[in-house]
Amino acid sequence: MAKRSQRNTRGRIVNAAWKLFYEQGYEHTTVEEIIDLSNTSKGSFYHYFDGKDALLSTLSDLFDDKYEALEEVMTPDMPAMEKLLFLNRELFETIENTVPMELLSQLFATQLVTSGEKHLLDHKRTYYRLLRRIIAQGQADGQLSTAHSVNELSKLYALCERALMYDWCLCGGDYNLRDYAAQVMPQFLSGFLPG
């Protein structure tokens, strides 16, 4: 029970921070505003985070929360390819509507130079576990190729998504990420189909 309470407190802080980052910008958001909006205490904030900068690495947490919610709305009979495209479409819509492009760029930059944990590559994340389940079931049902392992296909899918996000950041967000991915992802994922 205590772990759930801790996760909820941390989650409230993360959600409040990203809401404020989106509405006001990262630079104009203070730790005090995050504490107020999350309805937590200064002690709780500093128990989980060293400061505002430490929240940049929590974007993957926000994405994982989204994936947990999306998993609940996918029906078991939805084909694997449709599930993968659905996840991509919903994630990219979330990014465009809730994550400032400059913060996404900062996240990529910090992941490139960090010598510590690379949150985007953590295969224990909900994101990777969900991808592996979808791909494994798709292979078992004969919907996806078995020429590559579940882990290899999961890695390729994640690589393509990161490439699309990175390119969007490089271009300054001057096109609709979700719409562009809707054109590109089906072509890329066609390589996942059986011979």
Protein backbone atom coordinates (compact mmCIF):
# COMPACT_ATOMS: atom_id res chain seq x y z
CA MET A 1 0.00 0.00 0.00
CA ALA A 2 2.85 2.40 0.84
CA LYS A 3 4.45 1.81 -2.58
CA ARG A 4 1.19 2.70 -4.34
CA SER A 5 0.91 5.91 -2.28
CA GLN A 6 4.50 6.83 -3.15
CA ARG A 7 3.87 6.13 -6.83
CA ASN A 8 0.71 8.25 -6.72
CA THR A 9 2.52 11.16 -5.04
CA ARG A 10 5.37 11.01 -7.53
CA GLY A 11 2.87 10.68 -10.38
CA ARG A 12 0.92 13.73 -9.22
CA ILE A 13 4.12 15.76 -9.14
CA VAL A 14 5.14 14.58 -12.63
CA ASN A 15 1.68 15.23 -14.12
CA ALA A 16 1.45 18.69 -12.54
CA ALA A 17 4.94 19.60 -13.76
CA TRP A 18 4.28 18.63 -17.36
CA LYS A 19 0.91 20.38 -17.37
CA LEU A 20 2.61 23.57 -16.21
CA PHE A 21 5.55 23.12 -18.59
CA TYR A 22 3.09 22.90 -21.46
CA GLU A 23 0.95 25.86 -20.35
CA GLN A 24 3.70 28.24 -19.17
CA GLY A 25 6.91 26.85 -20.53
CA TYR A 26 9.69 25.18 -18.62
CA GLU A 27 11.57 28.36 -17.75
CA HIS A 28 8.46 30.10 -16.36
CA THR A 29 7.38 27.21 -14.14
CA THR A 30 8.54 27.19 -10.53
CA VAL A 31 8.90 24.30 -8.12
CA GLU A 32 6.37 26.05 -5.85
CA GLU A 33 3.76 26.04 -8.64
CA ILE A 34 4.37 22.34 -9.25
CA ILE A 35 3.95 21.63 -5.52
CA ASP A 36 0.72 23.65 -5.40
CA LEU A 37 -0.83 22.04 -8.46
CA SER A 38 0.16 18.53 -7.38
CA ASN A 39 -1.25 19.16 -3.89
CA THR A 40 1.91 17.80 -2.31
CA SER A 41 4.53 19.25 0.03
CA LYS A 42 7.99 20.66 -0.52
CA GLY A 43 9.37 17.68 1.40
CA SER A 44 7.57 15.26 -0.93
CA PHE A 45 8.84 17.08 -4.00
CA TYR A 46 12.46 16.99 -2.84
CA HIS A 47 12.10 13.39 -1.71
CA TYR A 48 11.55 12.38 -5.36
CA PHE A 49 13.41 15.10 -7.28
CA ASP A 50 16.58 17.13 -6.75
CA GLY A 51 14.98 20.08 -8.53
CA LYS A 52 13.03 21.09 -11.59
CA ASP A 53 15.70 19.82 -14.00
CA ALA A 54 15.28 16.29 -12.65
CA LEU A 55 11.71 16.33 -13.99
CA LEU A 56 12.93 16.36 -17.60
CA SER A 57 13.71 12.65 -17.40
CA THR A 58 10.15 11.90 -16.28
CA LEU A 59 8.70 12.42 -19.75
CA SER A 60 9.03 8.68 -20.27
CA ASP A 61 6.83 8.22 -17.15
CA LEU A 62 4.18 10.43 -18.72
CA PHE A 63 4.34 8.37 -21.92
CA ASP A 64 4.07 5.13 -19.94
CA ASP A 65 0.98 6.41 -18.12
CA LYS A 66 -0.53 7.06 -21.54
CA TYR A 67 0.36 3.54 -22.71
CA GLU A 68 -1.30 2.00 -19.65
CA ALA A 69 -4.49 3.90 -20.43
CA LEU A 70 -4.35 2.95 -24.11
CA GLU A 71 -3.83 -0.72 -23.34
CA GLU A 72 -7.14 -0.73 -21.50
CA VAL A 73 -9.07 0.50 -24.56
CA MET A 74 -7.54 -1.92 -27.07
CA THR A 75 -9.73 -4.94 -27.67
CA PRO A 76 -8.07 -8.38 -27.66
CA ASP A 77 -9.31 -9.09 -31.18
CA MET A 78 -7.67 -5.96 -32.63
CA PRO A 79 -4.94 -7.10 -35.08
CA ALA A 80 -1.35 -6.55 -33.92
CA MET A 81 -0.55 -4.11 -36.73
CA GLU A 82 -3.64 -2.05 -35.89
CA LYS A 83 -2.58 -1.97 -32.22
CA LEU A 84 0.91 -0.74 -33.08
CA LEU A 85 -0.44 2.00 -35.36
CA PHE A 86 -3.04 2.97 -32.75
CA LEU A 87 -0.36 3.33 -30.04
CA ASN A 88 1.79 5.46 -32.31
CA ARG A 89 -1.07 7.71 -33.37
CA GLU A 90 -2.24 8.27 -29.79
CA LEU A 91 1.26 8.88 -28.43
CA PHE A 92 2.11 11.42 -31.11
CA GLU A 93 -1.19 13.22 -30.58
CA THR A 94 -0.39 13.38 -26.86
CA ILE A 95 3.06 14.77 -27.62
CA GLU A 96 1.68 17.47 -29.88
CA ASN A 97 -1.01 18.45 -27.37
CA THR A 98 0.85 18.22 -24.06
CA VAL A 99 4.64 18.24 -24.54
CA PRO A 100 6.38 21.42 -25.65
CA MET A 101 8.67 20.62 -28.54
CA GLU A 102 11.61 22.36 -26.88
CA LEU A 103 11.26 20.08 -23.85
CA LEU A 104 11.17 17.00 -26.04
CA SER A 105 14.33 18.32 -27.71
CA GLN A 106 15.94 18.83 -24.29
CA LEU A 107 15.04 15.28 -23.32
CA PHE A 108 16.76 13.91 -26.44
CA ALA A 109 19.77 16.11 -25.74
CA THR A 110 20.10 14.92 -22.13
CA GLN A 111 19.77 11.29 -23.21
CA LEU A 112 22.59 11.78 -25.72
CA VAL A 113 25.09 13.15 -23.21
CA THR A 114 24.17 11.33 -20.03
CA SER A 115 26.54 8.73 -18.68
CA GLY A 116 23.80 7.48 -16.37
CA GLU A 117 20.42 5.93 -16.99
CA LYS A 118 18.90 6.43 -20.42
CA HIS A 119 15.18 6.46 -19.59
CA LEU A 120 14.10 6.24 -23.21
CA LEU A 121 15.98 2.94 -23.61
CA ASP A 122 14.86 1.31 -20.37
CA HIS A 123 13.35 -2.01 -21.50
CA LYS A 124 11.56 -2.40 -18.15
CA ARG A 125 9.28 0.52 -19.03
CA THR A 126 5.58 -0.07 -19.68
CA TYR A 127 6.24 1.00 -23.27
CA TYR A 128 8.60 -1.87 -24.06
CA ARG A 129 6.62 -4.46 -22.09
CA LEU A 130 3.47 -3.52 -24.02
CA LEU A 131 5.27 -3.64 -27.37
CA ARG A 132 6.66 -7.07 -26.58
CA ARG A 133 3.21 -8.40 -25.61
CA ILE A 134 1.59 -7.06 -28.80
CA ILE A 135 4.37 -8.36 -31.04
CA ALA A 136 4.54 -11.77 -29.33
CA GLN A 137 0.78 -12.20 -29.69
CA GLY A 138 0.93 -11.02 -33.30
CA GLN A 139 3.61 -13.59 -34.05
CA ALA A 140 1.68 -16.34 -32.25
CA ASP A 141 -1.43 -15.48 -34.30
CA GLY A 142 0.53 -15.45 -37.56
CA GLN A 143 -0.10 -11.71 -38.06
CA LEU A 144 3.56 -10.70 -37.71
CA SER A 145 6.73 -12.23 -39.10
CA THR A 146 8.75 -14.60 -36.95
CA ALA A 147 11.92 -13.96 -38.97
CA HIS A 148 13.02 -11.64 -36.15
CA SER A 149 12.64 -12.02 -32.41
CA VAL A 150 10.08 -10.13 -30.36
CA ASN A 151 12.90 -8.04 -28.86
CA GLU A 152 14.32 -7.18 -32.30
CA LEU A 153 10.93 -6.05 -33.62
CA SER A 154 10.24 -4.06 -30.45
CA LYS A 155 13.60 -2.33 -30.80
CA LEU A 156 12.91 -1.51 -34.48
CA TYR A 157 9.48 -0.08 -33.65
CA ALA A 158 10.90 2.09 -30.85
CA LEU A 159 13.76 3.19 -33.12
CA CYS A 160 11.32 4.36 -35.78
CA GLU A 161 9.23 6.29 -33.24
CA ARG A 162 12.31 8.00 -31.79
CA ALA A 163 13.53 8.86 -35.29
CA LEU A 164 10.19 10.47 -36.14
CA MET A 165 10.17 12.48 -32.89
CA TYR A 166 13.80 13.51 -33.32
CA ASP A 167 13.20 14.64 -36.91
CA TRP A 168 10.13 16.61 -35.79
CA CYS A 169 12.28 18.38 -33.18
CA LEU A 170 15.05 19.07 -35.73
CA CYS A 171 12.47 20.65 -38.05
CA GLY A 172 11.18 22.85 -35.24
CA GLY A 173 7.81 21.13 -35.19
CA ASP A 174 6.85 22.74 -38.50
CA TYR A 175 4.62 19.82 -39.53
CA ASN A 176 1.98 17.69 -37.85
CA LEU A 177 3.81 14.80 -36.20
CA ARG A 178 0.77 12.55 -35.94
CA ASP A 179 -0.25 13.03 -39.58
CA TYR A 180 3.28 12.50 -40.87
CA ALA A 181 3.68 9.34 -38.80
CA ALA A 182 0.34 8.07 -40.15
CA GLN A 183 1.96 8.13 -43.61
CA VAL A 184 5.35 6.72 -42.61
CA MET A 185 4.61 4.11 -39.94
CA PRO A 186 2.48 1.77 -42.12
CA GLN A 187 5.28 1.68 -44.71
CA PHE A 188 7.88 0.97 -42.06
CA LEU A 189 5.76 -1.62 -40.26
CA SER A 190 5.03 -3.47 -43.50
CA GLY A 191 8.41 -5.10 -42.91
CA PHE A 192 6.91 -6.71 -39.80
CA LEU A 193 4.35 -8.64 -41.86
CA PRO A 194 4.82 -12.32 -42.68
CA GLY A 195 6.61 -13.11 -45.97
